[in-house]
Structures are given as structure tokens and as C-alpha cells.
Protein backbone atom coordinates (compact mmCIF):
# COMPACT_ATOMS: atom_id res chain seq x y z
CA MET A 1 24.67 243.83 -25.11
CA GLU A 2 21.29 242.37 -24.43
CA LYS A 3 19.21 244.10 -22.19
CA LYS A 4 18.07 242.45 -19.07
CA ILE A 5 14.32 242.14 -18.60
CA LYS A 6 13.30 243.10 -14.95
CA LYS A 7 11.00 240.50 -13.78
CA LYS A 8 7.89 241.93 -11.79
CA LYS A 9 7.25 240.48 -8.48
CA ALA A 10 4.12 238.53 -7.98
CA LYS A 11 1.50 240.51 -5.89
CA PRO A 12 0.91 239.30 -2.38
CA PRO A 13 -2.66 238.25 -1.27
CA LEU A 14 -4.88 241.28 -1.07
CA LYS A 15 -4.93 241.03 2.68
CA ASN A 16 -1.25 241.69 2.49
CA ARG A 17 -1.12 244.69 0.49
CA GLN A 18 -1.66 248.42 1.23
CA LYS A 19 -4.33 249.96 -0.86
CA LYS A 20 -4.80 253.47 0.87
CA ASN A 21 -2.96 255.29 3.93
CA HIS A 22 -5.22 255.52 6.83
CA SER A 23 -5.59 259.28 6.72
CA LEU A 24 -7.00 258.91 3.12
CA ILE A 25 -9.92 256.60 4.12
CA LYS A 26 -13.19 258.61 3.32
CA LYS A 27 -15.65 255.92 3.33
CA ALA A 28 -15.81 252.29 4.92
CA GLY A 29 -18.20 249.73 4.18
CA ILE A 30 -19.92 247.80 6.94
CA LEU A 31 -20.91 244.18 5.89
CA TYR A 32 -23.63 242.39 7.96
CA SER A 33 -25.48 239.19 8.01
CA GLU A 34 -28.93 239.14 6.42
CA VAL A 35 -31.30 237.66 9.22
CA LYS A 36 -34.48 236.18 8.18
CA LYS A 37 -36.01 233.43 10.43
CA LYS A 38 -36.83 231.29 7.63
CA TYR A 39 -33.14 230.85 6.92
CA PHE A 40 -32.46 229.35 10.47
CA PRO A 41 -33.54 225.65 11.43
CA THR A 42 -34.11 226.57 15.02
CA GLU A 43 -35.00 229.99 17.08
CA ALA A 44 -31.58 229.45 19.05
CA GLN A 45 -29.35 229.74 15.84
CA TYR A 46 -31.56 232.90 14.73
CA LEU A 47 -31.18 234.53 17.98
CA THR A 48 -27.39 234.87 17.62
CA GLU A 49 -27.81 236.76 14.63
CA LYS A 50 -30.86 238.62 15.15
CA ASP A 51 -29.22 241.84 16.16
CA ALA A 52 -26.77 242.00 13.04
CA PHE A 53 -28.50 245.26 11.68
CA ARG A 54 -28.37 246.93 15.23
CA ASP A 55 -24.82 246.22 15.81
CA ALA A 56 -23.78 247.56 12.25
CA THR A 57 -25.49 250.71 12.97
CA ILE A 58 -23.58 251.02 16.36
CA ILE A 59 -20.18 250.59 14.67
CA ALA A 60 -21.32 253.05 11.97
CA SER A 61 -21.90 255.77 14.69
CA TYR A 62 -18.20 255.04 15.91
CA LEU A 63 -16.92 255.63 12.25
CA LYS A 64 -18.57 258.73 12.16
CA LYS A 65 -16.75 259.80 15.27
CA ILE A 66 -13.25 259.27 13.28
CA LYS A 67 -14.27 261.06 10.35
CA ILE A 68 -15.09 257.99 8.15
CA LYS A 69 -18.44 257.84 6.27
CA PRO A 70 -20.09 254.49 6.86
CA LEU A 71 -21.97 252.57 4.31
CA LEU A 72 -23.98 249.64 5.22
CA TYR A 73 -24.44 246.41 3.23
CA LEU A 74 -26.25 243.00 3.71
CA GLY A 75 -24.23 240.08 3.03
CA ASN A 76 -26.41 238.75 0.10
CA ALA A 77 -26.49 238.31 -3.79
CA ALA A 78 -26.81 242.17 -4.38
CA LEU A 79 -23.45 242.92 -2.67
CA ALA A 80 -21.30 243.01 -5.46
CA GLU A 81 -23.10 245.15 -7.40
CA LYS A 82 -23.40 247.71 -4.59
CA LEU A 83 -19.73 247.58 -3.74
CA ARG A 84 -18.90 248.04 -7.26
CA LYS A 85 -20.95 251.14 -7.36
CA ASP A 86 -20.00 252.62 -3.97
CA LYS A 87 -16.46 251.72 -4.25
CA PRO A 88 -15.61 252.00 -0.33
CA ASP A 89 -11.94 252.44 0.69
CA ILE A 90 -12.31 249.45 3.16
CA VAL A 91 -14.94 247.12 4.37
CA LEU A 92 -15.37 245.79 7.94
CA ASN A 93 -16.64 242.36 7.45
CA LEU A 94 -19.16 241.54 10.19
CA VAL A 95 -21.08 238.80 8.01
CA ALA A 96 -21.52 235.53 10.16
CA SER A 97 -23.78 233.63 7.77
CA VAL A 98 -25.03 233.77 4.28
CA ARG A 99 -28.72 232.69 3.95
CA GLY A 100 -28.33 231.20 7.42
CA ASN A 101 -25.27 229.07 6.41
CA GLU A 102 -22.11 229.92 8.57
CA TYR A 103 -19.89 228.13 6.39
CA LEU A 104 -21.08 230.26 3.33
CA ALA A 105 -19.60 233.25 5.17
CA SER A 106 -16.21 232.43 3.59
CA THR A 107 -17.80 233.57 0.16
CA ILE A 108 -17.50 237.13 1.47
CA PRO A 109 -13.76 237.55 1.56
CA ALA A 110 -13.66 235.89 -1.69
CA LEU A 111 -15.81 238.33 -3.24
CA LEU A 112 -13.74 241.19 -1.60
CA GLU A 113 -10.58 239.70 -3.02
CA LEU A 114 -12.25 239.68 -6.39
CA LEU A 115 -13.21 243.23 -6.25
CA GLU A 116 -9.74 244.17 -4.56
CA ILE A 117 -11.30 245.87 -1.62
CA PRO A 118 -9.30 245.66 1.63
CA TYR A 119 -11.31 244.03 4.41
CA THR A 120 -11.07 243.23 8.02
CA GLY A 121 -10.84 239.89 9.74
CA ALA A 122 -9.70 236.51 8.34
CA GLY A 123 -9.40 235.55 4.73
CA ILE A 124 -10.95 232.79 2.54
CA LEU A 125 -9.05 230.11 4.24
CA GLY A 126 -9.28 231.33 7.80
CA GLU A 127 -13.14 231.70 7.41
CA SER A 128 -13.41 228.27 5.84
CA LEU A 129 -11.57 226.67 8.54
CA ALA A 130 -13.46 228.53 11.35
CA TYR A 131 -16.80 226.47 10.27
CA ASN A 132 -15.22 223.17 10.71
CA LYS A 133 -14.40 222.80 14.36
CA PHE A 134 -12.95 219.20 13.86
CA LEU A 135 -10.39 220.43 11.35
CA VAL A 136 -9.46 223.41 13.80
CA LYS A 137 -9.10 220.90 16.48
CA LYS A 138 -6.89 218.84 14.28
CA LEU A 139 -4.71 221.72 13.32
CA LEU A 140 -4.08 222.82 16.92
CA GLU A 141 -3.49 219.34 17.99
CA GLN A 142 -0.91 218.81 15.35
CA ASN A 143 0.90 222.04 16.11
CA SER A 144 1.33 221.31 19.93
CA VAL A 145 -1.72 223.58 21.21
CA PRO A 146 -3.50 221.45 23.79
CA VAL A 147 -6.85 220.32 23.15
CA PRO A 148 -9.20 218.09 24.88
CA HIS A 149 -9.52 214.47 23.48
CA TYR A 150 -12.55 214.64 20.76
CA GLN A 151 -14.27 212.66 18.25
CA LEU A 152 -16.41 213.77 15.19
CA PHE A 153 -19.63 211.92 14.88
CA ASN A 154 -21.32 211.68 11.54
CA THR A 155 -24.19 209.57 12.63
CA PRO A 156 -25.58 208.96 16.16
CA SER A 157 -24.79 205.19 16.02
CA ASP A 158 -20.81 205.87 15.30
CA PRO A 159 -18.91 203.70 17.58
CA ILE A 160 -17.42 205.69 20.57
CA ASP A 161 -13.60 205.98 20.64
CA PRO A 162 -12.67 203.88 23.81
CA THR A 163 -9.87 206.70 24.90
CA LEU A 164 -12.87 209.05 25.34
CA ARG A 165 -13.79 209.53 29.02
CA PHE A 166 -16.98 210.95 30.30
CA PRO A 167 -18.13 213.47 31.02
CA LEU A 168 -18.47 214.60 27.43
CA ILE A 169 -19.95 217.75 25.73
CA SER A 170 -21.36 217.77 22.46
CA LYS A 171 -20.98 220.66 19.95
CA LEU A 172 -22.27 221.20 16.50
CA ASN A 173 -19.42 221.08 14.10
CA GLU A 174 -20.46 224.01 11.91
CA ILE A 175 -22.34 226.47 13.96
CA HIS A 176 -21.03 228.94 16.74
CA GLY A 177 -22.50 231.20 19.05
CA ALA A 178 -22.91 228.77 21.64
CA VAL A 179 -26.03 227.24 19.78
CA GLU A 180 -27.15 224.15 21.88
CA ILE A 181 -24.42 224.52 24.53
CA THR A 182 -27.11 224.01 27.22
CA ARG A 183 -26.84 222.10 30.58
CA ASP A 184 -28.05 219.01 28.65
CA ALA A 185 -25.00 219.36 26.38
CA VAL A 186 -22.92 217.45 28.78
CA SER A 187 -23.52 213.73 28.86
CA GLU A 188 -22.30 211.28 31.81
CA THR A 189 -23.58 208.03 30.15
CA GLU A 190 -23.72 206.66 26.58
CA ARG A 191 -27.29 206.55 26.46
CA HIS A 192 -27.53 210.20 27.18
CA LEU A 193 -24.90 211.04 24.52
CA ARG A 194 -26.58 208.78 21.68
CA ASP A 195 -29.98 210.80 22.13
CA ARG A 196 -28.11 214.11 22.31
CA LEU A 197 -26.44 213.16 19.08
CA LYS A 198 -29.62 211.92 17.55
CA PHE A 199 -31.36 215.41 18.24
CA LEU A 200 -28.53 217.40 16.84
CA ILE A 201 -27.72 215.61 13.70
CA ASN A 202 -31.27 215.22 12.88
CA THR A 203 -32.17 218.85 13.80
CA TYR A 204 -29.07 220.65 12.09
CA ASN A 205 -28.11 218.18 9.49
CA GLN A 206 -24.53 218.24 10.24
CA PRO A 207 -21.69 216.28 12.31
CA VAL A 208 -21.29 216.88 15.87
CA LEU A 209 -18.06 217.14 17.67
CA VAL A 210 -17.85 215.40 21.14
CA GLU A 211 -14.97 216.12 23.40
CA GLU A 212 -14.18 215.64 26.96
CA PHE A 213 -15.48 218.20 29.19
CA ILE A 214 -12.63 219.86 31.32
CA VAL A 215 -13.62 220.53 34.90
CA GLY A 216 -12.07 223.74 36.11
CA ARG A 217 -11.70 227.48 35.29
CA GLU A 218 -12.43 229.34 31.87
CA ILE A 219 -10.15 231.79 30.00
CA THR A 220 -11.09 233.99 26.93
CA ALA A 221 -8.31 235.29 24.97
CA ILE A 222 -8.50 238.14 22.34
CA LEU A 223 -5.82 238.71 19.91
CA LEU A 224 -5.36 241.99 17.99
CA GLU A 225 -2.76 242.31 15.33
CA GLY A 226 -0.93 245.38 14.48
CA LEU A 227 2.92 245.89 14.26
CA ASN A 228 2.82 243.03 16.71
CA LYS A 229 0.37 240.64 17.94
CA LYS A 230 -1.15 241.73 21.42
CA VAL A 231 -3.18 238.96 23.31
CA TYR A 232 -5.62 240.10 26.15
CA PHE A 233 -6.89 237.39 28.67
CA ALA A 234 -9.86 237.61 30.94
CA GLU A 235 -11.17 234.70 33.31
CA LYS A 236 -14.65 234.11 33.26
CA VAL A 237 -15.74 234.37 37.05
CA PHE A 238 -19.03 232.29 37.37
CA ASN A 239 -21.84 232.62 39.73
CA LYS A 240 -23.33 229.22 39.73
CA PRO A 241 -22.65 227.80 43.13
CA ASN A 242 -25.38 224.87 42.31
CA ASP A 243 -24.34 223.75 39.04
CA LYS A 244 -22.50 220.52 38.80
CA TYR A 245 -20.63 221.35 35.39
CA VAL A 246 -19.68 224.98 35.32
CA PHE A 247 -19.38 226.78 31.92
CA ALA A 248 -21.08 229.49 29.75
CA THR A 249 -24.35 228.18 28.37
CA PHE A 250 -26.46 229.58 25.42
CA GLU A 251 -28.70 230.86 27.82
CA ASP A 252 -26.11 232.62 29.84
CA GLN A 253 -24.76 234.43 26.72
CA TRP A 254 -28.13 234.97 24.83
CA LEU A 255 -31.24 234.81 27.31
CA ASP A 256 -30.89 235.44 30.94
CA HIS A 257 -29.89 238.89 31.21
CA ASP A 258 -31.42 239.49 34.54
CA ASN A 259 -29.02 236.98 36.42
CA GLU A 260 -25.18 237.69 35.60
CA ALA A 261 -23.92 234.03 35.11
CA PHE A 262 -20.37 235.41 34.99
CA HIS A 263 -18.23 238.48 34.93
CA TYR A 264 -14.54 238.95 33.56
CA GLN A 265 -11.57 239.79 35.52
CA LYS A 266 -7.98 240.03 34.16
CA TYR A 267 -5.87 236.99 33.71
CA ASP A 268 -2.37 236.54 32.34
CA ASP A 269 0.29 233.73 31.59
CA PRO A 270 3.16 233.89 29.08
CA LEU A 271 2.92 230.33 28.30
CA LEU A 272 -0.81 230.80 27.33
CA ARG A 273 -0.09 233.91 25.47
CA GLU A 274 2.24 232.17 23.20
CA TYR A 275 -0.15 229.08 22.70
CA VAL A 276 -2.86 231.92 21.65
CA LYS A 277 -0.38 233.51 19.10
CA LYS A 278 0.37 229.69 17.64
CA ALA A 279 -3.39 229.04 17.34
CA PHE A 280 -3.97 232.46 15.61
CA GLU A 281 -1.47 231.48 12.92
CA VAL A 282 -2.14 227.87 12.25
CA THR A 283 -6.04 228.73 11.90
CA ARG A 284 -5.20 231.32 9.52
CA MET A 285 -7.09 234.25 11.38
CA GLY A 286 -6.47 237.95 10.46
CA ASP A 287 -6.53 241.11 12.30
CA TYR A 288 -8.41 239.77 15.25
CA GLY A 289 -9.57 236.49 16.96
CA LYS A 290 -11.00 234.89 19.85
CA PHE A 291 -10.39 231.87 21.98
CA ASP A 292 -11.92 229.93 24.89
CA ILE A 293 -9.60 227.90 27.13
CA ARG A 294 -10.60 225.42 30.10
CA VAL A 295 -7.99 225.27 32.78
CA ASP A 296 -8.03 221.97 34.79
CA PRO A 297 -7.30 221.68 38.48
CA SER A 298 -3.66 220.87 37.72
CA GLY A 299 -3.11 223.93 35.71
CA ARG A 300 -3.09 222.37 32.27
CA TYR A 301 -4.68 224.33 29.32
CA PHE A 302 -7.25 223.00 26.85
CA PHE A 303 -8.38 225.15 23.85
CA ILE A 304 -12.17 224.51 23.42
CA ASP A 305 -13.30 227.06 21.07
CA SER A 306 -11.92 229.28 18.30
CA ASN A 307 -13.33 232.22 16.38
CA SER A 308 -12.43 234.12 13.52
CA ASN A 309 -13.98 237.31 13.13
CA PRO A 310 -15.64 237.04 16.29
CA ALA A 311 -18.64 239.33 17.35
CA PHE A 312 -17.39 242.81 17.01
CA GLY A 313 -18.57 246.13 18.50
CA PRO A 314 -18.54 248.60 21.43
CA LYS A 315 -19.67 247.70 25.03
CA GLU A 316 -23.19 248.80 24.14
CA ALA A 317 -23.26 245.78 21.62
CA ASP A 318 -22.18 243.56 24.70
CA CYS A 319 -19.63 241.46 22.93
CA ALA A 320 -16.58 239.66 24.47
CA ILE A 321 -14.10 241.84 22.54
CA ALA A 322 -15.13 245.14 23.88
CA ASN A 323 -15.85 243.95 27.41
CA ILE A 324 -12.50 242.25 27.71
CA LEU A 325 -10.54 245.06 26.46
CA ASP A 326 -12.26 247.54 28.48
CA LEU A 327 -10.57 245.73 31.48
CA TYR A 328 -7.48 247.26 29.77
CA ASP A 329 -8.67 250.66 29.47
CA ILE A 330 -8.81 250.06 25.56
CA SER A 331 -11.80 252.00 24.13
CA PHE A 332 -13.65 250.86 21.06
CA VAL A 333 -12.46 253.90 19.03
CA ASP A 334 -8.85 252.57 19.77
CA ILE A 335 -9.81 249.15 18.52
CA LEU A 336 -11.46 250.37 15.37
CA GLN A 337 -8.35 252.52 14.47
CA ARG A 338 -6.07 249.50 15.15
CA LEU A 339 -8.28 247.29 13.11
CA ILE A 340 -8.32 249.68 10.07
CA GLN A 341 -4.66 250.47 10.44
CA ASN A 342 -3.73 246.80 10.62
CA THR A 343 -5.96 246.03 7.55
CA LEU A 344 -4.28 248.78 5.57
CA ARG A 345 -0.94 248.31 6.46
CA ASP A 346 2.15 247.75 4.08
CA ALA A 347 3.03 244.12 4.16
CA SER A 348 5.61 242.42 1.68
CA GLY A 349 3.79 238.96 1.44
CA LYS A 350 5.39 235.71 1.74
CA LYS A 351 8.59 235.35 -0.25
CA LEU A 352 9.43 232.16 -2.50
CA LEU A 353 12.08 229.82 -0.89
CA PRO A 354 15.20 229.47 -3.10
CA ILE A 355 15.57 226.60 -5.10
CA THR A 356 18.49 224.09 -4.17
CA LYS A 357 20.86 222.26 -6.59
CA ASN A 358 18.73 219.06 -6.51
CA GLY A 359 15.67 221.19 -7.60
CA GLY A 360 13.89 220.72 -3.98
CA GLU A 361 13.16 223.71 -1.61
CA ASN A 362 15.78 224.97 0.82
CA ASN A 363 14.16 224.62 4.08
CA GLU A 364 16.71 225.94 6.11
């Protein structure tokens, strides 16, 4: 009788494989952006990353508290050699840009996949999508996650979609951190919008996403993965009684620390929770993600921003994930342990669909 050969199952992506048990983790790498002023076209974009090393060292102190040795690495060309030498058990990927380019952050998970080192956050596809806001809007829209009406402008003279209604807000398509989200970002007239587009496109050499400004309240959602997906909401309560358009500007988030422009308070809605879970899946995020949502006066939700690998750290780093989860009495040590456990958990990966008689996939 002919002996049957047992076929080997294809390995799932590294993000879905367990390399080491959490209790065996001895050393963890912390990857952070290499920040030099010459890398960035403007002071504003530089400011969003200037504390990358400081934040990495703060997180390193928390790793020590849970008996894990931290190893700090710059996200630059020397990274591969250093990782091969040190062989960390896991890597916390905090890199938000490479040589000042946010879209190049997707090269970090690619490198970690090649080296077969488990890492936190989104994989290659999720990180690539995150730096194209227009594509994210398309994905959300086509998966029934509500977004404002929008248009991508490649030049300042592109015709305006006649269905767009003023006021409109302009956003850099490939840069996060609220860069250029100032009071001047909102346009009430076409002339103002054209001037704004000319400035943004010429300064940053990239397309601009323009969307209808949603008057109303603003909610921030944090999703943490584990055995299940947990969503934590906080409403931004603004202290801007004299502003015509109330939203969180770049100045509010990075410059004006003396006057509190807003604070967080708990919020919850089962419907919005399901929207957030869907958004997390279709944008291919991993481990954790952040979404900003506007609520109009009639109670309709509109997703206005999505962040894979959002700013990560404890309250002293003043980032949304720690500030919001603190409302729910979740400490940064709890967040850190959950993130590591989730990264290392055993997952089977996606199974291939069976082949039907006609040669197609069985989609039932």
C-alpha cells in the first residue's frame, strides 16, 4: 500500500503566529522614529515627532517594571543589523516616519516580517493604508462605515465636486498628527479653499483630502485587541465658547499647553462600537487603533480620522490612548501587558476556502 504523504500546512503571517510564551519574554525592542529637523518640510511636522526618543525611554521604564529588558532602536538603515545581533523576543513598533516620510513607516513591519520577529501594531498592509487617507475613506465608505462627503485634490485647480457643501476642511492626505489642522483649515468659500490647496500642495508636495466639515460633537475611540476586541470611547468636551467651528486644532494638541482646549469624558453607544470594530477590520489595523468621529446635531456619526499604531505611551507622555483608558481605570502596565500578550497569542491564521466542483471558491 502506498504511504500517504502528509502535506504541511502553510504558515500564517508572522502577525498571526506565536513565537514565544509571554512568560518567556526576556527582552523587548522599542523601535522609534529617527527625528532630525532636516527630514521635515515644516516645523509643525517636526514637532509631532520631536519627543520620539523621550517617549521610548518612558515606555522602557514600564517594561522594566514587568521584568522585561528594553532595547531601544532607531528606525533607520542600521536597524536590521542591530536586530539580528540582539535578537529581541518581541518589538514594540513606535516608528511613525522614516527620514521624515510617514508612508515609509510601512517598511518597518516588512523588515520585522523578514527577520521573523513578533511586533506590535499593524502589519505591512495596514500601515501602508494608514498613510493614504483617501483610500481609508473609500474602504470605510464601501463597507458602510459613515464618512463625510470628500474629494481628493491633486492640484489646486482640480474641479470641485458639485455635491460638496461648504464649509469644507482640508487635510494633508499622507500626514497625521493634525499637521496643518488650524483654524485656517476650514473654508467657507471657493477662493479660500483654492488658496489653502495651493499652500498645502506646494509646501508638502502631496495631495490634499477635502471633506465637509461636520458641525457637532467629537468622539475618540480606542480599540484594543485581545481574546476579543474592546472599544473605549471618550468625548472631547471643548472649552471654545467663541469659536465658530469647534474642533481640535494642531495648536490645541501640540502647542497651547497653558489653556486646556478640551478634556475627555466617557461616552458609549453600541452602534458606534460596531462601526469602530468594522473600521478596524477593513483598514487592516492590528493590536490597537484610534478613530476620531464627529456627531452632527441629529445624532449621525461620521468617521473623520483613522490611526493605526497611534501615539503610544502612559499619561506622562500625554497621548490619547493612556488618557482615555485612564477614564476606565486601565493602567498603562495593563495596556502594555495586553499588547504584548495579544502580539504573541497563538492564532491559526486564515483557512483557504474549499474548491467547488466548478473550480470556483465556495463562498457560503
